[in-house]
Amino acid sequence: MNILQISYHTSPMNSLGVNDGGGLNVYVEAISKELAKDNTVHIITGEEAKNINKKNLKLNSFNLFSNQSNIYEKKDSLDEFIDKTFQYIEEHEIDVVHAHYWLSGLVAKEIQQKYKIPFIFTSHSLGVFVQENGLERIRAEKEIFNSADKITASSKFEKDNLLNRYGVDKLKIHITTPGLDKKIFKAYRGVKRNNTILSVGRIQQQKGQLQTLDLFKSLQYRIKGLELIFVGGPSGVDGDAYLNKMKNRIEELKIEEEVQFLGSLSQKKLVKLMKKSKLLIHSAESETFGLVAIEAHRLGVPVLSTNQGSFKEIISNNENGLVAKSFDDVQVYDFIIKLFEDDEYRSQVINNAVKNSLVFNWEITAENLRKAYKNIT
């Protein structure tokens, strides 16, 4: 089968944590490599990137914008990308299209109409959860959902939102859970760790990192040698402004010496950091899945989150982490203190976290996608 993966606004093989580079990049790269074992996989992107041309895996960048361009600049190049995509399709045999994120979905819709090639769509995030692009994005997503032959949902939470907030035909929805790279994220159960708290993800308002700072300050009064590390760079139109707000808050709280911003890290460097850490804090209210949570779990790092949706399918309270309504809940403070100070309890939580992560595998994800592709071709 000849598969076309469209990742218009960000190149899968580019650095993570830089502008729009995040979980979507990991997802597309991982499934493409798995699918290329028995299919020919083409990846196209508008973002500047080094082209790849292997036996069954090809990445082609149309070099329309840099990885620092904002989403509005990227939207301006969409028509040109569609024209170049049409040319690419006419030069290559394509059986099925898989579009990632709403802008890529608009491209896939045009391909379907012109060439009658079926497409499957993965949203990676939903417009109803974010303010950026607002109603325009939601209207576009509804058009994509109506046109797509299949739609993946990474969690029951995402499926419920597709059904109830977008009115998607339930027969179109195909549950496909993301996975982990077993070679990079090897199970690690080490108990002796630093008093380190991690926050991993692009820095932007919807990720909510500001509230993590206040929680950290309150914990300092009890836990000695505590440090907070942010991994990932500013993202989106207001990313830099949000980062400045965080830095100003750090100065107000007088925690400059204990807080670090490491920017973008490779997955291998992230693994080393996680192995030394006791907790990962996830402060975004809504995610369709939350890849960073299962990555942390594989390395024995429990996760604290205020995500009332998909994270409840990953985290069992006080067993491998905690999902709270807010960081002001007294149970949050109690959980963290016990986790940091009680070695026996921490060992138990680490074991539960690792065990929970073992069900996530990119080979399984790719096999589920193969079935979906065959079903629509």
Protein backbone atom coordinates (compact mmCIF):
# COMPACT_ATOMS: atom_id res chain seq x y z
CA MET A 1 0.00 0.00 0.00
CA ASN A 2 1.19 3.52 -0.81
CA ILE A 3 0.41 5.84 2.12
CA LEU A 4 0.64 9.63 2.14
CA GLN A 5 1.09 11.21 5.57
CA ILE A 6 0.34 14.96 5.58
CA SER A 7 1.86 17.02 8.38
CA TYR A 8 1.53 20.47 6.85
CA HIS A 9 2.29 22.83 9.73
CA THR A 10 5.21 20.99 11.35
CA SER A 11 7.80 18.52 10.09
CA PRO A 12 7.80 15.22 12.03
CA MET A 13 11.58 14.84 11.99
CA ASN A 14 12.32 18.37 13.25
CA SER A 15 13.22 19.21 16.86
CA LEU A 16 10.62 18.67 19.56
CA GLY A 17 9.57 21.55 21.78
CA VAL A 18 10.40 24.19 19.16
CA ASN A 19 7.36 26.31 18.27
CA ASP A 20 4.75 23.80 16.98
CA GLY A 21 6.95 20.72 17.36
CA GLY A 22 5.39 18.36 19.92
CA GLY A 23 3.50 15.11 20.32
CA LEU A 24 2.20 15.23 16.74
CA ASN A 25 5.78 15.06 15.46
CA VAL A 26 6.51 12.00 17.59
CA TYR A 27 3.28 10.33 16.45
CA VAL A 28 3.79 10.85 12.71
CA GLU A 29 7.45 9.83 12.77
CA ALA A 30 6.75 6.71 14.83
CA ILE A 31 3.79 5.39 12.83
CA SER A 32 5.51 6.18 9.53
CA LYS A 33 8.55 4.12 10.48
CA GLU A 34 6.36 1.22 11.60
CA LEU A 35 4.12 1.35 8.54
CA ALA A 36 7.16 1.52 6.24
CA LYS A 37 8.07 -2.04 7.26
CA ASP A 38 5.46 -3.37 4.82
CA ASN A 39 4.22 -0.30 2.93
CA THR A 40 5.60 2.66 1.04
CA VAL A 41 5.14 5.76 3.19
CA HIS A 42 5.38 9.32 1.90
CA ILE A 43 5.43 12.25 4.34
CA ILE A 44 4.92 15.79 3.07
CA THR A 45 5.21 19.00 5.07
CA GLY A 46 5.25 22.73 4.47
CA GLU A 47 7.88 23.36 7.14
CA GLU A 48 11.52 23.64 6.15
CA ALA A 49 13.19 20.28 6.76
CA LYS A 50 15.85 17.96 5.38
CA ASN A 51 14.33 15.55 2.86
CA ILE A 52 14.59 11.82 3.52
CA ASN A 53 14.58 9.19 0.78
CA LYS A 54 14.87 5.65 2.09
CA LYS A 55 13.58 2.43 0.54
CA ASN A 56 10.02 2.59 1.88
CA LEU A 57 10.06 5.93 3.72
CA LYS A 58 10.24 9.32 2.06
CA LEU A 59 9.92 12.78 3.62
CA ASN A 60 9.51 15.76 1.32
CA SER A 61 9.42 19.35 2.53
CA PHE A 62 7.98 21.99 0.22
CA ASN A 63 9.96 24.56 2.27
CA LEU A 64 7.18 27.13 2.51
CA PHE A 65 7.98 28.43 6.00
CA SER A 66 10.44 28.03 8.86
CA ASN A 67 9.89 26.22 12.15
CA GLN A 68 9.64 29.66 13.79
CA SER A 69 6.66 30.81 11.68
CA ASN A 70 3.40 31.32 13.54
CA ILE A 71 0.17 29.59 12.61
CA TYR A 72 -1.19 32.61 10.74
CA GLU A 73 1.89 32.77 8.53
CA LYS A 74 1.53 29.05 7.87
CA LYS A 75 -2.13 29.43 6.91
CA ASP A 76 -1.11 31.99 4.26
CA SER A 77 0.87 29.28 2.44
CA LEU A 78 -1.88 26.66 2.49
CA ASP A 79 -3.08 27.20 -1.10
CA GLU A 80 0.47 26.91 -2.41
CA PHE A 81 0.94 23.72 -0.40
CA ILE A 82 -2.23 22.25 -1.91
CA ASP A 83 -0.99 22.99 -5.42
CA LYS A 84 2.36 21.34 -4.71
CA THR A 85 0.58 18.37 -3.12
CA PHE A 86 -1.52 17.88 -6.24
CA GLN A 87 1.68 17.86 -8.30
CA TYR A 88 3.25 15.35 -5.89
CA ILE A 89 0.26 13.02 -6.13
CA GLU A 90 0.36 13.13 -9.93
CA GLU A 91 4.00 12.03 -9.78
CA HIS A 92 3.51 9.23 -7.21
CA GLU A 93 1.06 6.39 -6.74
CA ILE A 94 -1.00 7.02 -3.57
CA ASP A 95 -3.67 4.64 -2.22
CA VAL A 96 -4.65 6.36 1.02
CA VAL A 97 -4.05 9.71 2.73
CA HIS A 98 -3.59 10.23 6.48
CA ALA A 99 -3.88 13.88 7.54
CA HIS A 100 -2.65 15.23 10.88
CA TYR A 101 -4.08 18.42 12.46
CA TRP A 102 -6.86 20.53 10.98
CA LEU A 103 -4.80 22.37 8.37
CA SER A 104 -3.62 19.05 6.93
CA GLY A 105 -7.21 17.85 7.04
CA LEU A 106 -8.22 20.69 4.71
CA VAL A 107 -5.55 19.51 2.26
CA ALA A 108 -6.76 15.91 2.45
CA LYS A 109 -10.32 17.05 1.74
CA GLU A 110 -9.15 18.74 -1.46
CA ILE A 111 -7.23 15.60 -2.49
CA GLN A 112 -10.30 13.47 -1.92
CA GLN A 113 -12.47 15.74 -4.05
CA LYS A 114 -9.98 15.98 -6.94
CA TYR A 115 -8.46 12.48 -7.01
CA LYS A 116 -11.06 10.37 -5.15
CA ILE A 117 -8.35 9.10 -2.79
CA PRO A 118 -9.81 8.17 0.64
CA PHE A 119 -8.41 9.79 3.74
CA ILE A 120 -8.20 9.20 7.45
CA PHE A 121 -7.89 12.12 9.85
CA THR A 122 -6.16 12.51 13.22
CA SER A 123 -6.84 15.83 14.96
CA HIS A 124 -4.14 15.66 17.71
CA SER A 125 -6.01 18.55 19.36
CA LEU A 126 -9.49 19.98 18.96
CA GLY A 127 -10.56 23.55 18.31
CA VAL A 128 -13.13 23.43 21.11
CA PHE A 129 -10.23 23.25 23.58
CA VAL A 130 -8.18 26.20 22.33
CA GLN A 131 -8.73 29.86 21.56
CA GLU A 132 -6.32 30.17 18.65
CA ASN A 133 -8.21 30.41 15.33
CA GLY A 134 -11.50 30.05 17.23
CA LEU A 135 -14.66 29.53 15.19
CA GLU A 136 -12.79 29.32 11.89
CA ARG A 137 -10.95 26.24 13.10
CA ILE A 138 -14.05 24.58 14.54
CA ARG A 139 -15.96 25.12 11.28
CA ALA A 140 -13.03 23.66 9.33
CA GLU A 141 -12.85 20.64 11.64
CA LYS A 142 -16.55 19.95 11.13
CA GLU A 143 -16.03 20.03 7.35
CA ILE A 144 -13.11 17.63 7.68
CA PHE A 145 -15.04 15.25 9.92
CA ASN A 146 -17.90 15.18 7.43
CA SER A 147 -15.56 14.44 4.51
CA ALA A 148 -13.12 12.00 6.14
CA ASP A 149 -13.57 8.29 5.49
CA LYS A 150 -12.24 7.47 8.96
CA ILE A 151 -11.36 9.55 12.02
CA THR A 152 -9.00 8.34 14.73
CA ALA A 153 -9.62 8.98 18.41
CA SER A 154 -6.69 8.58 20.79
CA SER A 155 -8.90 8.16 23.88
CA LYS A 156 -12.47 7.61 24.97
CA PHE A 157 -12.47 11.27 26.01
CA GLU A 158 -11.66 12.34 22.45
CA LYS A 159 -14.26 9.99 21.01
CA ASP A 160 -16.93 11.43 23.32
CA ASN A 161 -16.04 14.97 22.22
CA LEU A 162 -16.18 13.98 18.55
CA LEU A 163 -19.63 12.52 19.08
CA ASN A 164 -21.13 15.11 21.41
CA ARG A 165 -19.48 18.39 20.39
CA TYR A 166 -18.95 17.82 16.67
CA GLY A 167 -21.73 15.36 15.85
CA VAL A 168 -19.36 12.93 14.14
CA ASP A 169 -20.84 9.71 12.76
CA LYS A 170 -19.81 7.07 15.31
CA LEU A 171 -19.18 4.54 12.52
CA LYS A 172 -16.35 6.73 11.25
CA ILE A 173 -14.45 6.78 14.54
CA HIS A 174 -11.54 4.38 14.92
CA ILE A 175 -9.91 4.17 18.36
CA THR A 176 -6.13 4.27 17.88
CA THR A 177 -4.06 4.76 21.02
CA PRO A 178 -0.56 6.25 20.62
CA GLY A 179 2.46 4.25 21.72
CA LEU A 180 6.04 4.46 22.95
CA ASP A 181 9.42 3.77 21.36
CA LYS A 182 10.63 0.70 23.27
CA LYS A 183 14.24 1.35 22.32
CA ILE A 184 14.26 4.88 23.73
CA PHE A 185 11.74 4.62 26.57
CA LYS A 186 12.94 1.50 28.37
CA ALA A 187 11.18 0.62 31.62
CA TYR A 188 13.02 2.16 34.57
CA ARG A 189 12.08 1.58 38.22
CA GLY A 190 14.89 3.38 40.05
CA VAL A 191 13.71 4.85 43.37
CA LYS A 192 16.72 7.04 44.24
CA ARG A 193 16.04 10.31 42.44
CA ASN A 194 16.61 14.02 42.88
CA ASN A 195 13.96 16.32 44.32
CA THR A 196 13.14 17.37 40.78
CA ILE A 197 9.75 18.29 39.34
CA LEU A 198 9.37 18.35 35.56
CA SER A 199 7.01 20.20 33.27
CA VAL A 200 7.32 18.96 29.68
CA GLY A 201 5.56 20.63 26.78
CA ARG A 202 5.44 23.69 24.58
CA ILE A 203 5.12 26.89 26.61
CA GLN A 204 1.80 28.58 25.87
CA GLN A 205 -1.25 29.76 27.75
CA GLN A 206 -3.35 26.69 27.00
CA LYS A 207 -0.69 24.52 28.68
CA GLY A 208 -1.17 26.45 31.93
CA GLN A 209 2.41 26.37 33.24
CA LEU A 210 1.93 29.54 35.30
CA GLN A 211 -0.07 27.69 37.95
CA THR A 212 2.78 25.20 38.36
CA LEU A 213 4.97 27.99 39.72
CA ASP A 214 2.64 28.80 42.62
CA LEU A 215 2.39 25.13 43.55
CA PHE A 216 6.16 24.81 43.48
CA LYS A 217 6.56 27.79 45.83
CA SER A 218 4.17 26.25 48.36
CA LEU A 219 6.13 22.96 48.28
CA GLN A 220 9.45 24.67 48.94
CA TYR A 221 8.50 25.29 52.56
CA ARG A 222 8.42 21.52 53.16
CA ILE A 223 10.78 19.87 50.66
CA LYS A 224 14.47 20.78 50.77
CA GLY A 225 16.53 21.01 47.60
CA LEU A 226 13.47 21.17 45.39
CA GLU A 227 13.95 22.20 41.75
CA LEU A 228 11.55 22.78 38.88
CA ILE A 229 12.58 22.19 35.27
CA PHE A 230 10.60 23.25 32.21
CA VAL A 231 11.32 21.39 28.97
CA GLY A 232 10.05 22.93 25.74
CA GLY A 233 10.06 26.34 24.14
CA PRO A 234 7.43 29.01 23.55
CA SER A 235 4.79 28.11 20.97
CA GLY A 236 2.06 29.93 19.13
CA VAL A 237 1.46 33.62 18.52
CA ASP A 238 1.51 34.47 22.23
CA GLY A 239 4.14 31.94 23.32
CA ASP A 240 6.90 34.45 23.97
CA ALA A 241 4.55 36.75 25.90
CA TYR A 242 3.43 33.82 28.06
CA LEU A 243 7.05 32.86 28.74
CA ASN A 244 7.73 36.43 29.89
CA LYS A 245 4.74 36.22 32.25
CA MET A 246 6.23 33.07 33.72
CA LYS A 247 9.62 34.70 34.21
CA ASN A 248 8.02 37.71 35.87
CA ARG A 249 6.12 35.42 38.21
CA ILE A 250 9.32 33.57 39.05
CA GLU A 251 10.90 36.86 40.10
CA GLU A 252 7.85 37.77 42.21
CA LEU A 253 8.05 34.41 43.99
CA LYS A 254 11.84 34.71 44.38
CA ILE A 255 12.50 31.23 42.98
CA GLU A 256 14.96 32.20 40.22
CA GLU A 257 17.66 29.88 41.58
CA GLU A 258 15.39 26.83 41.69
CA VAL A 259 13.67 27.07 38.28
CA GLN A 260 15.28 26.17 34.95
CA PHE A 261 14.14 26.45 31.33
CA LEU A 262 15.92 23.88 29.19
CA GLY A 263 14.11 24.57 25.92
CA SER A 264 13.93 21.82 23.32
CA LEU A 265 15.44 18.43 24.22
CA SER A 266 15.87 15.26 22.20
CA GLN A 267 13.95 12.23 23.44
CA LYS A 268 17.18 10.61 24.60
CA LYS A 269 18.10 13.63 26.74
CA LEU A 270 14.55 13.75 28.08
CA VAL A 271 14.85 10.12 29.15
CA LYS A 272 17.99 10.88 31.19
CA LEU A 273 16.25 13.80 32.87
CA MET A 274 13.13 11.80 33.70
CA LYS A 275 15.18 9.03 35.31
CA LYS A 276 16.46 11.60 37.83
CA SER A 277 13.05 13.14 38.58
CA LYS A 278 10.35 12.32 41.11
CA LEU A 279 7.30 13.97 39.54
CA LEU A 280 5.96 15.33 36.28
CA ILE A 281 3.34 18.08 36.44
CA HIS A 282 0.91 18.49 33.56
CA SER A 283 -1.16 21.64 33.83
CA ALA A 284 -3.12 21.76 30.55
CA GLU A 285 -6.86 21.41 31.11
CA SER A 286 -7.59 19.40 27.97
CA GLU A 287 -5.62 16.99 25.79
CA THR A 288 -6.95 14.40 23.37
CA PHE A 289 -4.40 11.97 24.82
CA GLY A 290 -1.22 13.26 26.48
CA LEU A 291 1.79 11.34 25.20
CA VAL A 292 4.11 12.82 27.82
CA ALA A 293 2.18 11.04 30.59
CA ILE A 294 2.89 7.54 29.29
CA GLU A 295 6.49 8.50 28.50
CA ALA A 296 6.92 9.57 32.12
CA HIS A 297 5.23 6.44 33.41
CA ARG A 298 7.55 4.18 31.39
CA LEU A 299 10.47 5.82 33.21
CA GLY A 300 8.84 5.53 36.61
CA VAL A 301 7.77 9.16 36.94
CA PRO A 302 4.27 9.62 38.40
CA VAL A 303 2.15 12.37 36.86
CA LEU A 304 0.14 15.09 38.57
CA SER A 305 -2.45 16.71 36.31
CA THR A 306 -5.52 18.94 36.34
CA ASN A 307 -6.68 17.39 33.05
CA GLN A 308 -10.21 16.18 33.70
CA GLY A 309 -10.45 14.34 30.37
CA SER A 310 -8.02 11.91 28.74
CA PHE A 311 -5.58 11.78 31.67
CA LYS A 312 -8.21 10.04 33.78
CA GLU A 313 -7.82 7.10 31.39
CA ILE A 314 -4.07 6.95 32.12
CA ILE A 315 -3.77 7.98 35.78
CA SER A 316 -5.22 6.15 38.76
CA ASN A 317 -5.27 8.48 41.77
CA ASN A 318 -2.62 7.77 44.40
CA GLU A 319 -1.51 4.68 42.49
CA ASN A 320 0.54 6.04 39.57
CA GLY A 321 -0.18 9.75 39.94
CA LEU A 322 -3.03 12.11 40.67
CA VAL A 323 -5.69 13.95 38.67
CA ALA A 324 -7.01 16.89 40.69
CA LYS A 325 -9.56 19.59 39.90
CA SER A 326 -6.96 22.21 40.78
CA PHE A 327 -3.51 22.45 42.32
CA ASP A 328 -5.13 24.06 45.37
CA ASP A 329 -6.70 20.75 46.42
CA VAL A 330 -5.26 19.54 49.71
CA GLN A 331 -4.85 16.04 48.25
CA VAL A 332 -2.29 17.45 45.80
CA TYR A 333 -0.01 18.64 48.59
CA ASP A 334 -0.44 15.40 50.57
CA PHE A 335 0.31 13.24 47.51
CA ILE A 336 3.51 15.11 46.62
CA ILE A 337 4.87 15.17 50.18
CA LYS A 338 4.31 11.44 50.58
CA LEU A 339 5.82 10.73 47.18
CA PHE A 340 8.97 12.72 47.91
CA GLU A 341 9.50 11.65 51.52
CA ASP A 342 8.32 8.02 51.66
CA ASP A 343 10.70 5.73 49.71
CA GLU A 344 8.47 2.68 50.08
CA TYR A 345 5.43 4.53 48.78
CA ARG A 346 7.45 6.04 45.92
CA SER A 347 8.68 2.58 44.92
CA GLN A 348 5.09 1.33 44.83
CA VAL A 349 3.93 4.28 42.71
CA ILE A 350 6.89 3.87 40.34
CA ASN A 351 6.11 0.18 39.82
CA ASN A 352 2.46 0.98 39.12
CA ALA A 353 3.44 3.70 36.65
CA VAL A 354 5.80 1.45 34.71
CA LYS A 355 3.28 -1.41 34.65
CA ASN A 356 0.59 0.95 33.33
CA SER A 357 2.83 2.10 30.47
CA LEU A 358 3.64 -1.36 29.11
CA VAL A 359 0.39 -1.59 27.11
CA PHE A 360 1.41 1.35 24.89
CA ASN A 361 3.32 0.28 21.81
CA TRP A 362 3.78 1.94 18.38
CA GLU A 363 3.63 -1.49 16.72
CA ILE A 364 0.08 -1.89 18.01
CA THR A 365 -0.79 1.65 16.94
CA ALA A 366 0.50 1.00 13.42
CA GLU A 367 -1.38 -2.30 13.17
CA ASN A 368 -4.63 -0.55 14.12
CA LEU A 369 -3.96 2.03 11.41
CA ARG A 370 -3.27 -0.67 8.81
CA LYS A 371 -6.71 -2.09 9.51
CA ALA A 372 -8.28 1.35 9.17
CA TYR A 373 -6.49 2.02 5.86
CA LYS A 374 -7.56 -1.32 4.40
CA ASN A 375 -11.11 -0.68 5.51
CA ILE A 376 -11.42 2.48 3.38
CA THR A 377 -9.41 1.49 0.29
